[in-house]
Amino acid sequence: MALAEVTDDTFEAEVLAATGPVVVDFWAEWCGSCKQMMPAFEQLAGELEGKARLVKFNADENPMTPGRFGVRGLPTMMIFENGKLLSMKTGAMTKTKIAEWVKETAPSAG
């Protein structure tokens, strides 16, 4: 399943105005851990379809939003629900760990 790509221009509509949980993966082309984690993130997006939306955000091409939310390292993932930032994690995670984190943070995704 191809992940939706969110940008500085679409972040407000795609993430903050969305209903339900949205998990944003901030990544960059040069980030080895980001690339390593992407297949697991894509798989999880398919598994959580209808419960939570998972999207990717290229931090190099869109510097405004990562700056706004204090992204200091990549990969960084954030969970938003109904426009509010619920949780943020930096560093690569396994599919299982991401799924557990999403379900703990946004029980409606469980």
N, C-alpha and C. Protein backbone atom coordinates (compact mmCIF):
# COMPACT_ATOMS: atom_id res chain seq x y z
N MET A 1 0.85 -1.19 0.00
CA MET A 1 0.00 0.00 0.00
C MET A 1 0.89 1.24 0.00
N ALA A 2 0.62 2.15 -0.91
CA ALA A 2 1.40 3.38 -0.98
C ALA A 2 0.91 4.35 0.10
N LEU A 3 1.84 4.90 0.82
CA LEU A 3 1.50 5.87 1.86
C LEU A 3 1.24 7.23 1.24
N ALA A 4 0.30 7.97 1.82
CA ALA A 4 0.07 9.34 1.39
C ALA A 4 1.26 10.18 1.82
N GLU A 5 1.67 11.07 0.95
CA GLU A 5 2.78 11.99 1.23
C GLU A 5 2.17 13.34 1.60
N VAL A 6 2.48 13.81 2.80
CA VAL A 6 1.96 15.09 3.28
C VAL A 6 3.09 16.12 3.17
N THR A 7 2.74 17.36 2.86
CA THR A 7 3.73 18.44 2.71
C THR A 7 3.36 19.60 3.64
N ASP A 8 4.23 20.61 3.67
CA ASP A 8 3.91 21.82 4.43
C ASP A 8 2.55 22.38 4.00
N ASP A 9 2.30 22.36 2.69
CA ASP A 9 1.06 22.93 2.15
C ASP A 9 -0.18 22.12 2.49
N THR A 10 -0.03 20.81 2.66
CA THR A 10 -1.21 19.97 2.88
C THR A 10 -1.36 19.50 4.33
N PHE A 11 -0.40 19.82 5.19
CA PHE A 11 -0.40 19.32 6.57
C PHE A 11 -1.67 19.70 7.33
N GLU A 12 -2.06 20.95 7.21
CA GLU A 12 -3.26 21.43 7.92
C GLU A 12 -4.49 20.59 7.54
N ALA A 13 -4.73 20.43 6.24
CA ALA A 13 -5.92 19.70 5.77
C ALA A 13 -5.81 18.19 6.01
N GLU A 14 -4.64 17.63 5.76
CA GLU A 14 -4.47 16.17 5.81
C GLU A 14 -4.31 15.62 7.23
N VAL A 15 -3.74 16.43 8.11
CA VAL A 15 -3.43 15.94 9.47
C VAL A 15 -4.26 16.66 10.52
N LEU A 16 -4.13 17.98 10.60
CA LEU A 16 -4.78 18.72 11.67
C LEU A 16 -6.30 18.78 11.54
N ALA A 17 -6.82 18.79 10.31
CA ALA A 17 -8.27 18.85 10.11
C ALA A 17 -8.90 17.46 10.02
N ALA A 18 -8.08 16.42 10.07
CA ALA A 18 -8.59 15.05 9.94
C ALA A 18 -9.31 14.63 11.22
N THR A 19 -10.32 13.78 11.05
CA THR A 19 -10.96 13.18 12.22
C THR A 19 -10.31 11.82 12.44
N GLY A 20 -10.13 11.49 13.69
CA GLY A 20 -9.49 10.23 14.02
C GLY A 20 -7.98 10.38 14.05
N PRO A 21 -7.29 9.32 14.47
CA PRO A 21 -5.84 9.38 14.61
C PRO A 21 -5.10 9.40 13.28
N VAL A 22 -4.07 10.24 13.24
CA VAL A 22 -3.17 10.31 12.08
C VAL A 22 -1.74 10.17 12.61
N VAL A 23 -1.01 9.21 12.07
CA VAL A 23 0.38 9.00 12.46
C VAL A 23 1.25 9.55 11.34
N VAL A 24 2.11 10.51 11.68
CA VAL A 24 2.98 11.15 10.69
C VAL A 24 4.41 10.67 10.91
N ASP A 25 5.01 10.17 9.84
CA ASP A 25 6.41 9.73 9.87
C ASP A 25 7.25 10.79 9.16
N PHE A 26 8.02 11.56 9.94
CA PHE A 26 8.93 12.55 9.38
C PHE A 26 10.21 11.82 9.00
N TRP A 27 10.60 11.91 7.74
CA TRP A 27 11.75 11.16 7.22
C TRP A 27 12.52 12.04 6.23
N ALA A 28 13.66 11.52 5.76
CA ALA A 28 14.46 12.20 4.72
C ALA A 28 15.15 11.13 3.88
N GLU A 29 15.46 11.49 2.65
CA GLU A 29 16.09 10.57 1.70
C GLU A 29 17.43 10.04 2.21
N TRP A 30 18.19 10.86 2.91
CA TRP A 30 19.53 10.48 3.39
C TRP A 30 19.50 9.63 4.66
N CYS A 31 18.34 9.48 5.28
CA CYS A 31 18.22 8.83 6.58
C CYS A 31 18.06 7.31 6.42
N GLY A 32 19.13 6.58 6.74
CA GLY A 32 19.12 5.13 6.62
C GLY A 32 18.06 4.46 7.49
N SER A 33 17.93 4.90 8.73
CA SER A 33 16.93 4.33 9.64
C SER A 33 15.51 4.57 9.12
N CYS A 34 15.31 5.74 8.51
CA CYS A 34 13.99 6.07 7.95
C CYS A 34 13.63 5.08 6.85
N LYS A 35 14.59 4.86 5.94
CA LYS A 35 14.36 3.95 4.82
C LYS A 35 14.15 2.52 5.30
N GLN A 36 14.89 2.13 6.32
CA GLN A 36 14.79 0.79 6.88
C GLN A 36 13.40 0.57 7.51
N MET A 37 12.85 1.59 8.12
CA MET A 37 11.58 1.49 8.82
C MET A 37 10.37 1.61 7.88
N MET A 38 10.56 2.21 6.70
CA MET A 38 9.43 2.53 5.82
C MET A 38 8.58 1.31 5.43
N PRO A 39 9.16 0.14 5.07
CA PRO A 39 8.30 -1.00 4.72
C PRO A 39 7.37 -1.43 5.86
N ALA A 40 7.86 -1.41 7.09
CA ALA A 40 7.04 -1.78 8.25
C ALA A 40 5.92 -0.76 8.45
N PHE A 41 6.26 0.52 8.26
CA PHE A 41 5.27 1.59 8.40
C PHE A 41 4.18 1.45 7.34
N GLU A 42 4.60 1.11 6.10
CA GLU A 42 3.63 0.91 5.01
C GLU A 42 2.72 -0.29 5.30
N GLN A 43 3.29 -1.38 5.80
CA GLN A 43 2.49 -2.56 6.16
C GLN A 43 1.46 -2.21 7.22
N LEU A 44 1.89 -1.50 8.23
CA LEU A 44 1.01 -1.12 9.32
C LEU A 44 -0.11 -0.21 8.83
N ALA A 45 0.20 0.65 7.87
CA ALA A 45 -0.83 1.53 7.30
C ALA A 45 -1.97 0.69 6.73
N GLY A 46 -1.63 -0.41 6.06
CA GLY A 46 -2.66 -1.29 5.52
C GLY A 46 -3.45 -1.98 6.61
N GLU A 47 -2.75 -2.41 7.65
CA GLU A 47 -3.40 -3.13 8.75
C GLU A 47 -4.33 -2.23 9.58
N LEU A 48 -3.98 -0.96 9.69
CA LEU A 48 -4.79 -0.03 10.50
C LEU A 48 -5.77 0.78 9.66
N GLU A 49 -5.87 0.47 8.37
CA GLU A 49 -6.78 1.20 7.49
C GLU A 49 -8.19 1.19 8.07
N GLY A 50 -8.79 2.37 8.10
CA GLY A 50 -10.12 2.50 8.67
C GLY A 50 -10.11 2.82 10.16
N LYS A 51 -8.96 2.60 10.82
CA LYS A 51 -8.84 2.89 12.26
C LYS A 51 -7.93 4.08 12.51
N ALA A 52 -6.83 4.14 11.76
CA ALA A 52 -5.88 5.24 11.88
C ALA A 52 -5.27 5.46 10.49
N ARG A 53 -4.90 6.70 10.22
CA ARG A 53 -4.28 7.03 8.94
C ARG A 53 -2.79 7.23 9.16
N LEU A 54 -1.96 6.55 8.39
CA LEU A 54 -0.51 6.71 8.48
C LEU A 54 -0.02 7.42 7.24
N VAL A 55 0.76 8.48 7.43
CA VAL A 55 1.27 9.27 6.31
C VAL A 55 2.76 9.54 6.50
N LYS A 56 3.44 9.82 5.39
CA LYS A 56 4.86 10.16 5.48
C LYS A 56 5.06 11.63 5.12
N PHE A 57 6.11 12.21 5.69
CA PHE A 57 6.39 13.64 5.52
C PHE A 57 7.88 13.81 5.30
N ASN A 58 8.28 14.26 4.12
CA ASN A 58 9.70 14.47 3.80
C ASN A 58 10.15 15.78 4.45
N ALA A 59 10.94 15.65 5.52
CA ALA A 59 11.36 16.81 6.31
C ALA A 59 12.34 17.71 5.57
N ASP A 60 13.12 17.16 4.64
CA ASP A 60 14.07 17.97 3.88
C ASP A 60 13.34 18.87 2.88
N GLU A 61 12.35 18.32 2.22
CA GLU A 61 11.62 19.08 1.19
C GLU A 61 10.61 20.05 1.79
N ASN A 62 10.24 19.85 3.04
CA ASN A 62 9.21 20.66 3.69
C ASN A 62 9.66 21.03 5.11
N PRO A 63 10.51 22.04 5.26
CA PRO A 63 11.11 22.34 6.57
C PRO A 63 10.21 23.07 7.57
N MET A 64 9.12 23.67 7.11
CA MET A 64 8.29 24.50 8.00
C MET A 64 7.62 23.68 9.12
N THR A 65 6.95 22.60 8.74
CA THR A 65 6.19 21.82 9.73
C THR A 65 7.09 21.14 10.75
N PRO A 66 8.20 20.50 10.35
CA PRO A 66 9.08 19.91 11.37
C PRO A 66 9.60 20.97 12.35
N GLY A 67 9.89 22.17 11.86
CA GLY A 67 10.33 23.25 12.74
C GLY A 67 9.24 23.66 13.70
N ARG A 68 8.02 23.72 13.20
CA ARG A 68 6.87 24.12 14.01
C ARG A 68 6.62 23.14 15.17
N PHE A 69 6.88 21.85 14.92
CA PHE A 69 6.61 20.83 15.94
C PHE A 69 7.87 20.34 16.66
N GLY A 70 9.00 21.01 16.43
CA GLY A 70 10.21 20.71 17.19
C GLY A 70 10.89 19.40 16.83
N VAL A 71 10.81 19.00 15.56
CA VAL A 71 11.50 17.78 15.14
C VAL A 71 13.00 18.04 15.17
N ARG A 72 13.73 17.22 15.94
CA ARG A 72 15.17 17.41 16.10
C ARG A 72 15.99 16.29 15.45
N GLY A 73 15.37 15.15 15.21
CA GLY A 73 16.08 14.02 14.61
C GLY A 73 15.12 13.21 13.76
N LEU A 74 15.68 12.37 12.91
CA LEU A 74 14.86 11.54 12.03
C LEU A 74 15.24 10.08 12.20
N PRO A 75 14.32 9.18 12.07
CA PRO A 75 12.88 9.43 11.89
C PRO A 75 12.23 9.91 13.19
N THR A 76 11.23 10.76 13.03
CA THR A 76 10.38 11.17 14.14
C THR A 76 8.95 10.87 13.73
N MET A 77 8.21 10.25 14.64
CA MET A 77 6.80 9.99 14.37
C MET A 77 5.96 10.72 15.39
N MET A 78 4.82 11.22 14.92
CA MET A 78 3.88 11.92 15.79
C MET A 78 2.49 11.36 15.55
N ILE A 79 1.73 11.29 16.63
CA ILE A 79 0.32 10.89 16.52
C ILE A 79 -0.53 12.11 16.83
N PHE A 80 -1.39 12.44 15.88
CA PHE A 80 -2.35 13.53 16.04
C PHE A 80 -3.75 12.92 16.07
N GLU A 81 -4.64 13.53 16.84
CA GLU A 81 -6.04 13.14 16.78
C GLU A 81 -6.88 14.39 16.91
N ASN A 82 -7.76 14.57 15.93
CA ASN A 82 -8.65 15.74 15.90
C ASN A 82 -7.87 17.05 16.09
N GLY A 83 -6.72 17.13 15.39
CA GLY A 83 -5.94 18.36 15.38
C GLY A 83 -4.97 18.55 16.54
N LYS A 84 -4.95 17.61 17.48
CA LYS A 84 -4.06 17.74 18.65
C LYS A 84 -2.92 16.73 18.57
N LEU A 85 -1.72 17.19 18.92
CA LEU A 85 -0.57 16.30 19.00
C LEU A 85 -0.68 15.51 20.30
N LEU A 86 -0.78 14.18 20.19
CA LEU A 86 -0.92 13.32 21.37
C LEU A 86 0.42 12.79 21.86
N SER A 87 1.31 12.45 20.91
CA SER A 87 2.57 11.83 21.30
C SER A 87 3.59 11.97 20.17
N MET A 88 4.88 11.93 20.57
CA MET A 88 5.96 12.03 19.59
C MET A 88 7.08 11.07 20.00
N LYS A 89 7.65 10.37 19.02
CA LYS A 89 8.78 9.47 19.26
C LYS A 89 9.83 9.71 18.20
N THR A 90 11.10 9.71 18.61
CA THR A 90 12.20 9.85 17.67
C THR A 90 13.01 8.57 17.67
N GLY A 91 13.42 8.15 16.47
CA GLY A 91 14.21 6.93 16.34
C GLY A 91 13.40 5.84 15.66
N ALA A 92 14.11 4.92 15.02
CA ALA A 92 13.46 3.83 14.30
C ALA A 92 12.77 2.89 15.27
N MET A 93 11.63 2.35 14.84
CA MET A 93 10.87 1.41 15.65
C MET A 93 10.43 0.25 14.76
N THR A 94 10.21 -0.90 15.37
CA THR A 94 9.68 -2.04 14.62
C THR A 94 8.18 -1.84 14.40
N LYS A 95 7.64 -2.61 13.48
CA LYS A 95 6.21 -2.54 13.20
C LYS A 95 5.40 -2.82 14.47
N THR A 96 5.82 -3.82 15.24
CA THR A 96 5.12 -4.18 16.48
C THR A 96 5.13 -3.02 17.46
N LYS A 97 6.30 -2.39 17.63
CA LYS A 97 6.42 -1.26 18.57
C LYS A 97 5.56 -0.07 18.13
N ILE A 98 5.55 0.20 16.82
CA ILE A 98 4.72 1.31 16.32
C ILE A 98 3.26 1.00 16.59
N ALA A 99 2.82 -0.23 16.30
CA ALA A 99 1.42 -0.62 16.51
C ALA A 99 1.03 -0.48 17.97
N GLU A 100 1.90 -0.94 18.88
CA GLU A 100 1.62 -0.83 20.32
C GLU A 100 1.49 0.63 20.73
N TRP A 101 2.42 1.46 20.23
CA TRP A 101 2.42 2.88 20.57
C TRP A 101 1.14 3.56 20.09
N VAL A 102 0.73 3.25 18.86
CA VAL A 102 -0.49 3.84 18.29
C VAL A 102 -1.69 3.43 19.13
N LYS A 103 -1.79 2.15 19.47
CA LYS A 103 -2.96 1.67 20.23
C LYS A 103 -3.00 2.22 21.65
N GLU A 104 -1.82 2.41 22.27
CA GLU A 104 -1.76 3.00 23.61
C GLU A 104 -2.13 4.48 23.58
N THR A 105 -1.64 5.18 22.56
CA THR A 105 -1.83 6.62 22.48
C THR A 105 -3.22 7.01 21.99
N ALA A 106 -3.70 6.27 21.00
CA ALA A 106 -5.02 6.56 20.41
C ALA A 106 -5.85 5.28 20.46
N PRO A 107 -6.49 5.01 21.61
CA PRO A 107 -7.25 3.77 21.77
C PRO A 107 -8.29 3.53 20.68
N SER A 108 -8.78 4.59 20.07
CA SER A 108 -9.78 4.41 19.00
C SER A 108 -9.17 3.68 17.79
N ALA A 109 -7.84 3.65 17.69
CA ALA A 109 -7.17 2.94 16.59
C ALA A 109 -7.06 1.45 16.87
N GLY A 110 -7.30 1.06 18.13
CA GLY A 110 -7.18 -0.34 18.51
C GLY A 110 -8.36 -1.14 18.03
